Every structure is written in structure tokens, then in C-alpha cells.
Amino acid sequence: MKTIEEAVITALKENTSWDGEIKMEQTLRDELGIDSFGVLMIINTLEDEFGIEISNEDIEGLGTVADIINRLNEILSVNA
């Protein structure tokens, strides 16, 4: 299984047209050009990768790449 960071970066690359390096501090909407639907597609990919369900409440407030990684860490540590 990939690390959370690897999985997030892979999901971002698969679900966006961004072809540059993905950095933790990059914003999803402004820098990577990901809209709300794109975030849902990325979340669905990560749910499948880790065999978890991510609630709408957990998706709210995700603004950067690091936010996604941190939220996944929280969810996976609770489910461990």
C-alpha cells in the first residue's frame, strides 16, 4: 500500500491536468485549478485506495495538498 502522501499525489495527478511538481503548500483551487467536482473525484480515489469512507464534513475546509494528507492521517488513525 502506498503512503498517504504518495496516494494523495497520485490521486491529484490522475484527476487534474497539473503536470508540474505537487507541493504540500499548494492550494487546490487557485494553484492546482481543482474545482469542487475535482475534489470529490480525488476523495473517491483515496477512499478506494484506503478502503475508507470520507464524510462531507471531513471534506469541508480542504484548501491545500497538506490539508488532504492531514485529514487522511486523522481518519486513518481513528479507524486503525
Protein backbone atom coordinates (compact mmCIF):
# COMPACT_ATOMS: atom_id res chain seq x y z
CA MET A 1 0.00 0.00 0.00
CA LYS A 2 1.19 3.49 -0.80
CA THR A 3 1.89 6.02 1.89
CA ILE A 4 -0.80 8.65 2.38
CA GLU A 5 1.38 11.29 0.74
CA GLU A 6 2.09 9.07 -2.28
CA ALA A 7 -1.59 8.21 -2.64
CA VAL A 8 -2.67 11.86 -2.48
CA ILE A 9 -0.08 12.95 -5.05
CA THR A 10 -1.05 10.08 -7.36
CA ALA A 11 -4.76 10.93 -7.00
CA LEU A 12 -4.05 14.59 -7.75
CA LYS A 13 -2.04 13.74 -10.85
CA GLU A 14 -4.69 11.30 -12.10
CA ASN A 15 -7.59 13.69 -11.57
CA THR A 16 -6.12 17.01 -12.71
CA SER A 17 -4.31 18.39 -15.70
CA TRP A 18 -1.45 19.59 -13.47
CA ASP A 19 1.83 18.22 -14.80
CA GLY A 20 4.31 20.00 -12.53
CA GLU A 21 5.62 19.03 -9.13
CA ILE A 22 2.95 18.84 -6.45
CA LYS A 23 3.95 20.56 -3.22
CA MET A 24 2.31 20.33 0.19
CA GLU A 25 1.55 24.05 0.44
CA GLN A 26 -0.17 24.34 -2.94
CA THR A 27 -3.80 25.35 -2.87
CA LEU A 28 -6.23 23.01 -4.57
CA ARG A 29 -8.39 25.62 -6.25
CA ASP A 30 -6.09 28.56 -7.00
CA GLU A 31 -2.80 26.84 -7.77
CA LEU A 32 -3.85 23.40 -9.00
CA GLY A 33 -7.15 24.51 -10.58
CA ILE A 34 -9.26 21.84 -8.86
CA ASP A 35 -12.97 22.61 -8.56
CA SER A 36 -15.47 21.04 -6.15
CA PHE A 37 -16.15 18.13 -8.51
CA GLY A 38 -12.43 17.52 -8.86
CA VAL A 39 -12.05 17.36 -5.07
CA LEU A 40 -14.82 14.74 -4.96
CA MET A 41 -13.09 12.68 -7.64
CA ILE A 42 -9.82 12.82 -5.69
CA ILE A 43 -11.60 11.87 -2.46
CA ASN A 44 -13.30 8.92 -4.21
CA THR A 45 -9.92 7.72 -5.46
CA LEU A 46 -8.48 7.94 -1.93
CA GLU A 47 -11.49 6.17 -0.42
CA ASP A 48 -10.90 3.27 -2.82
CA GLU A 49 -7.15 3.28 -2.14
CA PHE A 50 -7.52 3.04 1.63
CA GLY A 51 -10.87 1.22 1.90
CA ILE A 52 -12.47 4.01 3.91
CA GLU A 53 -15.40 6.38 3.65
CA ILE A 54 -14.76 10.10 3.96
CA SER A 55 -17.73 12.17 5.07
CA ASN A 56 -18.75 15.51 3.59
CA GLU A 57 -17.81 17.11 6.91
CA ASP A 58 -14.28 15.74 6.51
CA ILE A 59 -14.03 17.22 3.02
CA GLU A 60 -15.07 20.72 4.09
CA GLY A 61 -12.22 23.11 4.58
CA LEU A 62 -9.68 21.23 2.49
CA GLY A 63 -7.67 24.01 0.88
CA THR A 64 -4.19 22.64 0.30
CA VAL A 65 -2.47 19.39 -0.54
CA ALA A 66 -1.27 19.20 3.07
CA ASP A 67 -4.87 19.58 4.29
CA ILE A 68 -5.85 16.39 2.43
CA ILE A 69 -2.87 14.48 3.83
CA ASN A 70 -3.51 15.68 7.39
CA ARG A 71 -7.22 14.85 7.19
CA LEU A 72 -6.45 11.36 5.88
CA ASN A 73 -3.94 10.84 8.69
CA GLU A 74 -6.66 11.78 11.20
CA ILE A 75 -9.27 9.49 9.64
CA LEU A 76 -6.91 6.53 9.28
CA SER A 77 -5.58 6.86 12.85
CA VAL A 78 -9.15 6.80 14.19
CA ASN A 79 -10.01 3.75 12.06
CA ALA A 80 -6.81 1.88 12.95
